[in-house]
Amino acid sequence: MPNTKISALNELTTTPANDDVLAIVDISSNETKKIKVSTLGTGGGGSGTVTSVALTAPSAFSVGGSPVTTTGTLAITGAGTTSQFIDGTGSLQTTPTGTVTGVTGTAPIVSSGGATPAISITASTTSAAGSMSAADKTKLDSIATGAEVNAVDDVTGGTGLTASPTTGSVVVNLDSTAVSAGAYTNTNLTVDAQGRITAAANGSGSGIAAVVDDTTPQLGGNLDVQAFEIDTSVTNGSIVIAPKGTGVLEVKGATNSAAIKLNCEVNTHGVKIQGPPHSATANYTLVLPNDTGTNGQVLTTNGSGTLSFTTASGGVTVNTQAVNRLVACSSSTDTLDGEANLTFNGSELSVTGDVTTTGKISGNGSSVAVGKLETAIATAGSAGEVGLNAEVVTITTTTGLTAGYVYYLGASAWAGSDADALASSVGFMAVATSASSATGMVIRGIVYLATDPGGSVGDVVYLGTATGRLSTTPVSATGDVSRVMGYKIGTNLMFFNPSQDWIEIS
């Protein structure tokens, strides 16, 4: 059968003979070999048929269903009776039996004896063990855990004490002394080493039962009134403090300098007289005047602490008291002059000469009419500072600005201007005076810029392409906006006067 596939071979339908062979691949030599069917059975494993299984047991047990030849159940049951037992070999033996002829008891257990004895326990006594009665149990239940009971057999009273009787239920009494029972006033007492009062008598008045009983009380320490007051029960009564000799009433300070408070009649408010602080190192005495003085007098001191009421002298004299003149200071002591070049008639202030100010002249909607208006650079020397006649407005409040930079007014806030776009170059322009527009924005006049625009004094200043910056060089790039913003008058200084005309470079 050369060149025939194994799958194409005829199937063996009978039991193979031992000499029949099978094809097998020998892995060790990598070649196909044959093997007999008889050889396959010697490789281990295999199978067979059990024809009979039997079970045996000792004589104490009975085996049923043994042997099993095909299928079945093996069962083991006991072979003995209730009067038998199984010994160590598994054999049945007869259980031995006997008869109780007598039972004895050991005290406090008592037995009546015989085959059917009555067994009991005797009651306990003080000398013999036994059962406990219900009453005895109640007594024991009332004793605390760990309690000890000791019999009192000998008690002797010490000094001042008597024990009677000395055993059993003992009562100890305090011996009587020579002191008579009763109440004593300002008592003088004698006490022995055992703490007994051995003598007592009324005193001679060295002590008091109440403060009111002592007509000359003295303090042995500081008087602490706590939250109470020193008061009097006498209607319209006064409280008098009387130092002796050169002594004084001294009020000590605590957290603050000492003060005396004088309240109103209902004690809801008051005024204080207070000493100077510790840092003043003040030590002086003020002596009040002998009387109240007269109307118009003032309280003065002689410099040594003595006060007196005197009539005021000197005062201020006003010279040339012409109508409408305002008062000016004079070089003379206690003298004021009516200034002829400065008058006010109630509606008009007149000044003869120049008015000079380093601040602002402001009004509430009033107009200022002058024959000539001179502008000075004044102190404009840092970013945002202005000349005297600069026009400053406050329109809305925008923060985060830079003083000396140029901004345009948007719908709700000021924004940085530049010449790169129409939106930021053709609107209402102003120079910031600080970081907030609330301090004012310069819309016209002399102002100090944050950066110098370049060029020379007198050059035209244009809006620059850098945000917020100006330049003397006009823009030239397509889309830029050329707009004149004023003229240069010094380093960083310009006359700010934005033109309303502008040109977009194309």
Protein backbone atom coordinates (compact mmCIF):
# COMPACT_ATOMS: atom_id res chain seq x y z
CA MET A 1 0.00 0.00 0.00
CA PRO A 2 2.66 2.52 -0.91
CA ASN A 3 1.67 6.19 -1.38
CA THR A 4 -1.66 5.62 0.39
CA LYS A 5 -2.89 8.14 2.93
CA ILE A 6 -3.68 6.78 6.38
CA SER A 7 -7.07 8.47 6.16
CA ALA A 8 -7.75 6.46 2.99
CA LEU A 9 -7.07 3.03 4.55
CA ASN A 10 -9.85 0.56 5.41
CA GLU A 11 -11.01 0.62 9.05
CA LEU A 12 -10.34 -2.54 11.20
CA THR A 13 -13.74 -3.70 12.46
CA THR A 14 -12.54 -6.71 14.53
CA THR A 15 -10.46 -6.97 17.69
CA PRO A 16 -6.78 -6.54 16.67
CA ALA A 17 -4.54 -9.61 17.08
CA ASN A 18 -1.41 -9.45 19.18
CA ASP A 19 0.73 -9.74 16.05
CA ASP A 20 -1.00 -6.83 14.28
CA VAL A 21 1.23 -3.72 14.00
CA LEU A 22 0.74 0.04 14.10
CA ALA A 23 2.87 2.80 12.59
CA ILE A 24 4.65 5.04 15.20
CA VAL A 25 7.24 7.87 14.92
CA ASP A 26 10.42 7.34 16.96
CA ILE A 27 11.33 10.89 18.07
CA SER A 28 14.86 9.92 19.13
CA SER A 29 15.78 8.77 15.61
CA ASN A 30 13.23 10.85 13.70
CA GLU A 31 11.96 7.83 11.68
CA THR A 32 8.68 5.92 11.37
CA LYS A 33 8.65 2.44 12.90
CA LYS A 34 6.08 -0.32 13.62
CA ILE A 35 4.83 -1.62 16.94
CA LYS A 36 2.81 -4.78 17.73
CA VAL A 37 -0.55 -4.57 19.42
CA SER A 38 0.72 -6.98 22.08
CA THR A 39 3.51 -4.51 22.94
CA LEU A 40 1.05 -1.69 23.59
CA GLY A 41 -0.37 -3.60 26.63
CA THR A 42 3.00 -3.64 28.44
CA GLY A 43 3.41 0.11 28.67
CA GLY A 44 1.60 0.49 32.08
CA GLY A 45 -2.02 1.20 32.97
CA GLY A 46 -4.26 -1.35 31.31
CA SER A 47 -7.68 -2.39 32.41
CA GLY A 48 -9.58 -5.52 33.70
CA THR A 49 -12.80 -6.70 35.27
CA VAL A 50 -13.45 -7.38 39.01
CA THR A 51 -15.69 -10.45 39.30
CA SER A 52 -16.23 -10.58 43.12
CA VAL A 53 -15.78 -8.24 46.20
CA ALA A 54 -16.36 -9.66 49.72
CA LEU A 55 -16.39 -7.97 53.19
CA THR A 56 -15.75 -9.65 56.56
CA ALA A 57 -16.20 -8.23 60.11
CA PRO A 58 -15.66 -9.35 63.75
CA SER A 59 -18.36 -11.43 65.39
CA ALA A 60 -19.90 -8.38 67.05
CA PHE A 61 -21.08 -7.23 63.60
CA SER A 62 -23.17 -8.78 60.83
CA VAL A 63 -22.27 -8.18 57.12
CA GLY A 64 -24.99 -8.14 54.49
CA GLY A 65 -24.74 -8.12 50.66
CA SER A 66 -21.31 -9.83 50.57
CA PRO A 67 -19.85 -10.80 48.18
CA VAL A 68 -20.69 -8.34 45.36
CA THR A 69 -20.12 -10.02 41.98
CA THR A 70 -21.52 -7.37 39.63
CA THR A 71 -23.31 -4.56 41.48
CA GLY A 72 -24.72 -4.32 45.01
CA THR A 73 -24.43 -2.73 48.49
CA LEU A 74 -22.40 -3.95 51.48
CA ALA A 75 -24.12 -3.30 54.87
CA ILE A 76 -22.77 -3.75 58.43
CA THR A 77 -25.15 -4.13 61.41
CA GLY A 78 -24.69 -4.97 65.09
CA ALA A 79 -25.03 -8.62 66.05
CA GLY A 80 -25.37 -8.35 69.87
CA THR A 81 -28.09 -7.42 72.41
CA THR A 82 -28.52 -4.60 74.96
CA SER A 83 -27.07 -6.82 77.69
CA GLN A 84 -23.79 -7.32 75.77
CA PHE A 85 -20.71 -5.19 75.08
CA ILE A 86 -17.85 -5.39 72.54
CA ASP A 87 -14.41 -6.21 73.89
CA GLY A 88 -11.03 -5.18 72.42
CA THR A 89 -11.05 -8.05 69.90
CA GLY A 90 -14.42 -7.05 68.49
CA SER A 91 -16.16 -9.98 70.12
CA LEU A 92 -19.45 -9.81 72.06
CA GLN A 93 -19.31 -10.23 75.83
CA THR A 94 -22.11 -10.29 78.44
CA THR A 95 -22.33 -7.14 80.63
CA PRO A 96 -21.74 -8.09 84.32
CA THR A 97 -24.50 -7.12 86.86
CA GLY A 98 -24.64 -6.65 90.76
CA THR A 99 -26.71 -5.34 93.70
CA VAL A 100 -26.04 -2.32 96.06
CA THR A 101 -26.50 -3.57 99.58
CA GLY A 102 -25.60 -0.45 101.58
CA VAL A 103 -24.57 3.30 101.31
CA THR A 104 -22.82 5.25 104.08
CA GLY A 105 -22.19 9.00 104.34
CA THR A 106 -19.36 11.19 105.72
CA ALA A 107 -20.37 14.20 107.88
CA PRO A 108 -22.08 16.48 107.22
CA ILE A 109 -23.57 13.96 104.65
CA VAL A 110 -25.89 11.43 106.42
CA SER A 111 -27.16 8.10 104.95
CA SER A 112 -29.86 5.84 106.39
CA GLY A 113 -28.05 2.73 104.96
CA GLY A 114 -29.41 -0.31 103.12
CA ALA A 115 -30.10 -0.91 99.44
CA THR A 116 -32.37 2.14 99.20
CA PRO A 117 -30.81 4.70 101.58
CA ALA A 118 -32.09 8.19 102.41
CA ILE A 119 -29.19 10.67 102.01
CA SER A 120 -29.25 14.19 103.61
CA ILE A 121 -26.98 16.96 105.00
CA THR A 122 -27.14 18.22 108.57
CA ALA A 123 -27.54 21.91 109.51
CA SER A 124 -24.35 23.80 110.26
CA THR A 125 -23.43 24.97 113.77
CA THR A 126 -20.74 27.22 115.22
CA SER A 127 -18.55 24.13 115.63
CA ALA A 128 -19.64 21.82 112.76
CA ALA A 129 -20.05 22.18 109.01
CA GLY A 130 -23.44 21.64 107.44
CA SER A 131 -26.21 23.21 105.41
CA MET A 132 -26.98 27.00 105.65
CA SER A 133 -30.46 28.32 106.49
CA ALA A 134 -32.27 30.96 104.43
CA ALA A 135 -31.84 33.45 107.27
CA ASP A 136 -28.09 32.80 107.38
CA LYS A 137 -27.87 33.37 103.61
CA THR A 138 -29.68 36.71 103.95
CA LYS A 139 -27.14 37.84 106.56
CA LEU A 140 -24.21 36.83 104.36
CA ASP A 141 -25.71 38.62 101.33
CA SER A 142 -25.72 41.89 103.30
CA ILE A 143 -21.97 41.74 103.99
CA ALA A 144 -19.81 43.61 101.48
CA THR A 145 -17.20 41.72 99.46
CA GLY A 146 -13.87 41.64 101.30
CA ALA A 147 -15.38 42.74 104.63
CA GLU A 148 -13.63 41.49 107.74
CA VAL A 149 -15.22 40.65 111.10
CA ASN A 150 -13.09 41.05 114.20
CA ALA A 151 -14.36 40.63 117.70
CA VAL A 152 -13.69 43.48 120.14
CA ASP A 153 -12.25 41.89 123.22
CA ASP A 154 -10.36 44.69 125.02
CA VAL A 155 -10.82 48.50 124.73
CA THR A 156 -9.14 51.01 127.03
CA GLY A 157 -9.90 54.74 126.90
CA GLY A 158 -6.98 57.14 126.42
CA THR A 159 -6.49 60.56 127.99
CA GLY A 160 -9.85 62.26 128.29
CA LEU A 161 -11.71 59.17 126.98
CA THR A 162 -13.54 56.36 128.87
CA ALA A 163 -14.53 52.98 127.30
CA SER A 164 -17.53 51.14 128.78
CA PRO A 165 -17.70 48.20 128.66
CA THR A 166 -14.21 47.22 127.55
CA THR A 167 -15.38 44.22 125.47
CA GLY A 168 -18.31 43.43 123.24
CA SER A 169 -20.38 46.47 122.25
CA VAL A 170 -18.00 49.18 123.45
CA VAL A 171 -19.05 52.86 123.87
CA VAL A 172 -16.24 55.47 124.10
CA ASN A 173 -17.21 58.74 125.85
CA LEU A 174 -15.37 62.10 126.10
CA ASP A 175 -14.55 62.85 129.73
CA SER A 176 -16.10 65.95 131.23
CA THR A 177 -13.84 68.92 132.11
CA ALA A 178 -14.22 71.75 134.59
CA VAL A 179 -15.70 74.00 131.88
CA SER A 180 -19.40 74.74 132.40
CA ALA A 181 -21.66 74.40 129.39
CA GLY A 182 -22.95 77.76 128.12
CA ALA A 183 -22.29 80.79 125.82
CA TYR A 184 -19.23 83.02 126.36
CA THR A 185 -18.55 86.59 125.08
CA ASN A 186 -15.02 87.69 124.00
CA THR A 187 -13.97 84.27 125.31
CA ASN A 188 -10.61 83.46 126.90
CA LEU A 189 -9.91 79.74 126.33
CA THR A 190 -7.41 77.13 127.64
CA VAL A 191 -6.83 74.04 125.47
CA ASP A 192 -4.83 70.93 126.52
CA ALA A 193 -2.61 68.74 124.33
CA GLN A 194 -5.60 66.57 123.36
CA GLY A 195 -7.47 69.59 122.03
CA ARG A 196 -9.95 69.71 124.93
CA ILE A 197 -11.16 73.04 126.28
CA THR A 198 -10.13 72.87 129.94
CA ALA A 199 -10.97 76.45 130.90
CA ALA A 200 -13.26 79.18 129.50
CA ALA A 201 -14.25 82.62 130.74
CA ASN A 202 -15.83 85.81 129.36
CA GLY A 203 -13.22 88.19 127.98
CA SER A 204 -12.54 91.82 128.86
CA GLY A 205 -13.37 93.26 125.38
CA SER A 206 -10.19 92.54 123.44
CA GLY A 207 -12.25 90.81 120.75
CA ILE A 208 -15.54 91.61 118.99
CA ALA A 209 -18.57 89.61 118.00
CA ALA A 210 -19.42 92.22 115.30
CA VAL A 211 -17.45 95.13 113.75
CA VAL A 212 -19.93 97.60 115.19
CA ASP A 213 -19.02 96.44 118.70
CA ASP A 214 -15.38 97.61 118.30
CA THR A 215 -15.11 101.37 118.88
CA THR A 216 -11.41 101.49 117.92
CA PRO A 217 -10.95 98.84 115.17
CA GLN A 218 -7.59 98.44 113.46
CA LEU A 219 -6.65 96.46 110.34
CA GLY A 220 -4.06 93.72 110.52
CA GLY A 221 -3.74 93.66 106.72
CA ASN A 222 -5.06 95.17 103.49
CA LEU A 223 -8.82 95.72 103.36
CA ASP A 224 -10.27 93.91 100.31
CA VAL A 225 -13.81 95.12 99.60
CA GLN A 226 -14.07 92.71 96.61
CA ALA A 227 -17.17 93.78 94.60
CA PHE A 228 -18.72 95.70 97.52
CA GLU A 229 -18.72 99.38 98.51
CA ILE A 230 -17.90 101.46 101.55
CA ASP A 231 -21.30 102.99 102.23
CA THR A 232 -23.25 104.68 105.01
CA SER A 233 -26.72 103.86 106.27
CA VAL A 234 -27.26 107.39 107.61
CA THR A 235 -29.47 109.64 105.47
CA ASN A 236 -27.35 112.40 103.89
CA GLY A 237 -24.40 110.89 105.79
CA SER A 238 -20.82 111.70 104.79
CA ILE A 239 -17.84 109.34 104.63
CA VAL A 240 -14.85 111.04 106.25
CA ILE A 241 -11.24 109.96 105.78
CA ALA A 242 -8.93 111.64 108.31
CA PRO A 243 -5.15 111.24 107.90
CA LYS A 244 -3.06 112.26 110.90
CA GLY A 245 -0.31 114.87 111.07
CA THR A 246 1.28 115.39 107.64
CA GLY A 247 -0.34 112.25 106.24
CA VAL A 248 -2.36 112.43 103.01
CA LEU A 249 -5.10 110.47 101.28
CA GLU A 250 -3.14 108.56 98.61
CA VAL A 251 -4.80 106.89 95.59
CA LYS A 252 -2.51 104.34 93.98
CA GLY A 253 -2.32 103.70 90.26
CA ALA A 254 -2.58 100.29 88.57
CA THR A 255 -2.72 99.78 84.78
CA ASN A 256 -3.26 103.55 84.40
CA SER A 257 -2.31 106.53 86.52
CA ALA A 258 -4.49 106.99 89.59
CA ALA A 259 -7.74 108.86 89.03
CA ILE A 260 -10.70 110.08 91.08
CA LYS A 261 -14.06 109.74 89.33
CA LEU A 262 -16.95 112.02 90.27
CA ASN A 263 -20.24 110.47 89.13
CA CYS A 264 -23.59 112.08 88.46
CA GLU A 265 -26.43 111.60 90.96
CA VAL A 266 -27.66 108.38 89.23
CA ASN A 267 -24.11 107.03 88.60
CA THR A 268 -24.55 106.59 84.83
CA HIS A 269 -21.64 108.90 83.87
CA GLY A 270 -18.96 110.97 85.53
CA VAL A 271 -15.74 112.97 85.15
CA LYS A 272 -12.25 112.04 86.28
CA ILE A 273 -9.28 113.88 87.76
CA GLN A 274 -6.23 111.84 86.79
CA GLY A 275 -2.52 112.12 87.51
CA PRO A 276 0.16 112.25 84.79
CA PRO A 277 1.73 108.99 83.50
CA HIS A 278 4.76 107.25 85.01
CA SER A 279 6.93 108.43 82.10
CA ALA A 280 6.48 112.08 83.23
CA THR A 281 8.25 111.33 86.57
CA ALA A 282 5.99 114.03 88.01
CA ASN A 283 6.13 114.92 91.71
CA TYR A 284 4.45 118.20 92.57
CA THR A 285 1.68 119.70 94.67
CA LEU A 286 -1.11 122.05 93.54
CA VAL A 287 -2.56 124.24 96.29
CA LEU A 288 -6.09 125.51 95.55
CA PRO A 289 -6.99 129.21 96.06
CA ASN A 290 -8.52 130.48 99.32
CA ASP A 291 -11.82 131.40 97.62
CA THR A 292 -13.76 131.04 94.35
CA GLY A 293 -12.62 134.32 92.80
CA THR A 294 -14.87 136.65 90.83
CA ASN A 295 -16.69 136.47 87.49
CA GLY A 296 -14.28 136.42 84.54
CA GLN A 297 -11.17 135.62 86.56
CA VAL A 298 -8.88 132.76 85.50
CA LEU A 299 -6.98 130.17 87.55
CA THR A 300 -3.23 130.75 87.40
CA THR A 301 -0.16 129.33 89.12
CA ASN A 302 2.88 131.01 90.60
CA GLY A 303 5.09 128.29 89.16
CA SER A 304 5.56 126.65 92.56
CA GLY A 305 2.18 124.93 92.69
CA THR A 306 0.14 127.65 94.41
CA LEU A 307 -3.02 128.40 92.42
CA SER A 308 -5.00 131.64 92.54
CA PHE A 309 -7.79 133.40 90.72
CA THR A 310 -6.57 136.46 88.82
CA THR A 311 -8.04 138.90 86.29
CA ALA A 312 -6.85 138.15 82.75
CA SER A 313 -4.45 140.77 81.39
CA GLY A 314 -3.01 141.49 77.95
CA GLY A 315 -5.13 139.93 75.18
CA VAL A 316 -5.10 140.64 71.45
CA THR A 317 -5.38 144.12 69.97
CA VAL A 318 -6.61 144.63 66.40
CA ASN A 319 -5.22 147.74 64.71
CA THR A 320 -6.89 149.72 61.89
CA GLN A 321 -10.26 148.08 62.27
CA ALA A 322 -11.68 149.52 59.03
CA VAL A 323 -14.82 148.05 57.45
CA ASN A 324 -14.36 144.91 55.27
CA ARG A 325 -10.70 144.50 56.14
CA LEU A 326 -9.45 141.00 56.81
CA VAL A 327 -7.16 140.45 59.81
CA ALA A 328 -3.50 139.60 59.28
CA CYS A 329 -0.77 138.85 61.78
CA SER A 330 1.49 141.64 63.04
CA SER A 331 5.07 141.58 64.14
CA SER A 332 4.01 143.14 67.42
CA THR A 333 3.21 140.93 70.40
CA ASP A 334 -0.53 140.38 70.98
CA THR A 335 -1.38 142.58 67.95
CA LEU A 336 -3.34 141.90 64.77
CA ASP A 337 -3.60 144.27 61.81
CA GLY A 338 -6.54 144.90 59.52
CA GLU A 339 -5.00 144.38 56.05
CA ALA A 340 -5.95 147.20 53.63
CA ASN A 341 -4.96 145.18 50.51
CA LEU A 342 -7.18 142.22 51.48
CA THR A 343 -10.90 142.97 51.93
CA PHE A 344 -14.17 141.06 51.83
CA ASN A 345 -17.55 142.79 51.84
CA GLY A 346 -19.63 139.65 52.23
CA SER A 347 -19.89 138.81 48.52
CA GLU A 348 -16.59 139.84 46.94
CA LEU A 349 -12.99 139.17 47.96
CA SER A 350 -10.61 141.89 46.80
CA VAL A 351 -6.85 141.46 46.59
CA THR A 352 -4.48 144.26 45.75
CA GLY A 353 -1.34 142.64 44.35
CA ASP A 354 -0.48 139.12 43.14
CA VAL A 355 -2.07 135.87 44.34
CA THR A 356 0.46 133.03 44.52
CA THR A 357 -0.40 129.44 45.35
CA THR A 358 1.36 126.08 45.31
CA GLY A 359 -1.94 124.22 45.34
CA LYS A 360 -5.20 124.36 43.42
CA ILE A 361 -7.82 127.06 43.15
CA SER A 362 -11.17 125.26 42.95
CA GLY A 363 -14.81 126.30 42.98
CA ASN A 364 -18.24 124.75 42.94
CA GLY A 365 -19.31 125.44 39.37
CA SER A 366 -18.12 129.07 39.51
CA SER A 367 -16.41 130.85 36.63
CA VAL A 368 -13.09 132.65 36.90
CA ALA A 369 -12.76 135.92 34.97
CA VAL A 370 -9.24 137.32 34.52
CA GLY A 371 -7.66 139.92 32.28
CA LYS A 372 -4.58 137.81 31.60
CA LEU A 373 -3.89 134.14 32.30
CA GLU A 374 -0.22 133.24 32.70
CA THR A 375 0.82 129.60 32.66
CA ALA A 376 3.83 128.38 34.61
CA ILE A 377 5.45 124.98 34.48
CA ALA A 378 5.68 125.15 38.27
CA THR A 379 6.75 121.91 39.96
CA ALA A 380 5.91 119.47 37.14
CA GLY A 381 8.97 117.26 37.45
CA SER A 382 7.73 113.66 37.61
CA ALA A 383 5.37 111.46 35.59
CA GLY A 384 1.79 112.74 35.69
CA GLU A 385 2.53 116.13 37.31
CA VAL A 386 1.00 119.19 35.64
CA GLY A 387 1.55 122.92 35.22
CA LEU A 388 -0.58 125.46 37.10
CA ASN A 389 -3.19 125.90 34.37
CA ALA A 390 -3.54 122.34 33.15
CA GLU A 391 -7.13 121.19 32.63
CA VAL A 392 -7.88 118.03 34.63
CA VAL A 393 -11.15 116.06 34.53
CA THR A 394 -12.52 113.08 36.42
CA ILE A 395 -14.60 110.81 34.17
CA THR A 396 -15.38 107.32 35.52
CA THR A 397 -12.84 105.43 37.64
CA THR A 398 -10.24 103.18 36.02
CA THR A 399 -7.39 101.64 38.00
CA GLY A 400 -4.11 100.08 36.85
CA LEU A 401 -3.05 103.16 34.87
CA THR A 402 0.52 104.46 34.56
CA ALA A 403 1.14 108.12 35.44
CA GLY A 404 2.42 110.10 32.41
CA TYR A 405 0.92 107.67 29.82
CA VAL A 406 -1.74 108.63 27.23
CA TYR A 407 -5.19 106.93 27.31
CA TYR A 408 -8.41 107.17 25.31
CA LEU A 409 -11.89 107.08 26.84
CA GLY A 410 -13.78 103.88 26.01
CA ALA A 411 -17.42 103.02 26.67
CA SER A 412 -16.86 102.50 30.40
CA ALA A 413 -13.13 102.89 31.13
CA TRP A 414 -9.86 104.49 30.03
CA ALA A 415 -7.63 102.32 27.80
CA GLY A 416 -4.07 102.68 26.49
CA SER A 417 -3.86 104.58 23.20
CA ASP A 418 -1.56 103.96 20.23
CA ALA A 419 -1.37 104.90 16.54
CA ASP A 420 -1.67 101.31 15.24
CA ALA A 421 -5.49 101.30 14.95
CA LEU A 422 -8.37 103.73 14.56
CA ALA A 423 -10.13 102.51 17.76
CA SER A 424 -7.17 103.45 19.99
CA SER A 425 -6.07 106.66 18.26
CA VAL A 426 -9.00 108.91 17.20
CA GLY A 427 -11.00 109.17 20.48
CA PHE A 428 -11.03 111.48 23.51
CA MET A 429 -7.43 111.59 24.81
CA ALA A 430 -5.94 112.34 28.24
CA VAL A 431 -2.73 111.84 30.26
CA ALA A 432 -2.97 109.90 33.55
CA THR A 433 -1.82 111.74 36.70
CA SER A 434 -1.65 108.53 38.79
CA ALA A 435 -2.57 104.83 38.75
CA SER A 436 -6.26 105.74 39.09
CA SER A 437 -8.32 108.06 36.91
CA ALA A 438 -10.12 109.15 40.11
CA THR A 439 -7.27 111.62 40.77
CA GLY A 440 -7.92 113.30 37.39
CA MET A 441 -6.90 112.96 33.74
CA VAL A 442 -5.13 115.87 31.93
CA ILE A 443 -7.06 116.78 28.75
CA ARG A 444 -5.12 120.01 27.98
CA GLY A 445 -2.10 121.91 29.33
CA ILE A 446 1.42 121.35 30.54
CA VAL A 447 2.08 117.81 31.73
CA TYR A 448 5.14 115.69 32.57
CA LEU A 449 5.28 112.49 30.46
CA ALA A 450 6.52 109.12 31.73
CA THR A 451 8.95 108.89 28.76
CA ASP A 452 10.51 111.68 26.72
CA PRO A 453 9.03 111.87 23.15
CA GLY A 454 12.45 112.70 21.64
CA GLY A 455 13.25 115.63 19.37
CA SER A 456 13.86 119.21 20.51
CA VAL A 457 11.94 121.90 22.36
CA GLY A 458 9.24 123.31 20.05
CA ASP A 459 8.83 120.11 17.98
CA VAL A 460 5.38 118.78 17.18
CA VAL A 461 4.50 115.73 19.29
CA TYR A 462 2.52 112.90 17.62
CA LEU A 463 0.68 109.85 18.95
CA GLY A 464 3.19 106.97 18.99
CA THR A 465 2.79 103.31 18.03
CA ALA A 466 3.91 102.11 21.50
CA THR A 467 0.91 101.90 23.86
CA GLY A 468 0.49 105.11 25.87
CA ARG A 469 3.59 106.75 24.34
CA LEU A 470 4.12 109.93 22.27
CA SER A 471 6.87 110.76 19.73
CA THR A 472 8.19 113.72 17.76
CA THR A 473 8.56 111.35 14.77
CA PRO A 474 5.33 111.01 12.73
CA VAL A 475 4.10 107.50 11.83
CA SER A 476 4.50 106.21 8.24
CA ALA A 477 3.34 102.57 8.12
CA THR A 478 0.16 101.63 6.26
CA GLY A 479 -2.83 101.57 8.58
CA ASP A 480 -1.19 103.81 11.22
CA VAL A 481 -2.98 106.99 12.31
CA SER A 482 -1.09 110.29 12.28
CA ARG A 483 -2.46 112.65 14.95
CA VAL A 484 -0.86 115.78 16.47
CA MET A 485 -0.97 115.67 20.30
CA GLY A 486 0.82 118.95 21.16
CA TYR A 487 4.32 120.45 21.40
CA LYS A 488 7.49 119.65 23.31
CA ILE A 489 8.58 122.31 25.81
CA GLY A 490 11.28 120.44 27.73
CA THR A 491 12.64 117.02 28.63
CA ASN A 492 9.54 114.83 29.26
CA LEU A 493 7.48 118.05 29.29
CA MET A 494 4.92 118.98 26.64
CA PHE A 495 1.96 121.20 26.08
CA PHE A 496 -0.75 118.53 25.69
CA ASN A 497 -3.41 119.68 23.19
CA PRO A 498 -4.72 116.75 21.07
CA SER A 499 -5.90 117.73 17.56
CA GLN A 500 -9.45 116.78 16.55
CA ASP A 501 -8.14 115.94 13.06
CA TRP A 502 -6.23 112.79 12.10
CA ILE A 503 -4.91 111.00 8.98
CA GLU A 504 -4.83 107.25 8.33
CA ILE A 505 -1.73 106.21 6.36
CA SER A 506 -2.52 104.16 3.21
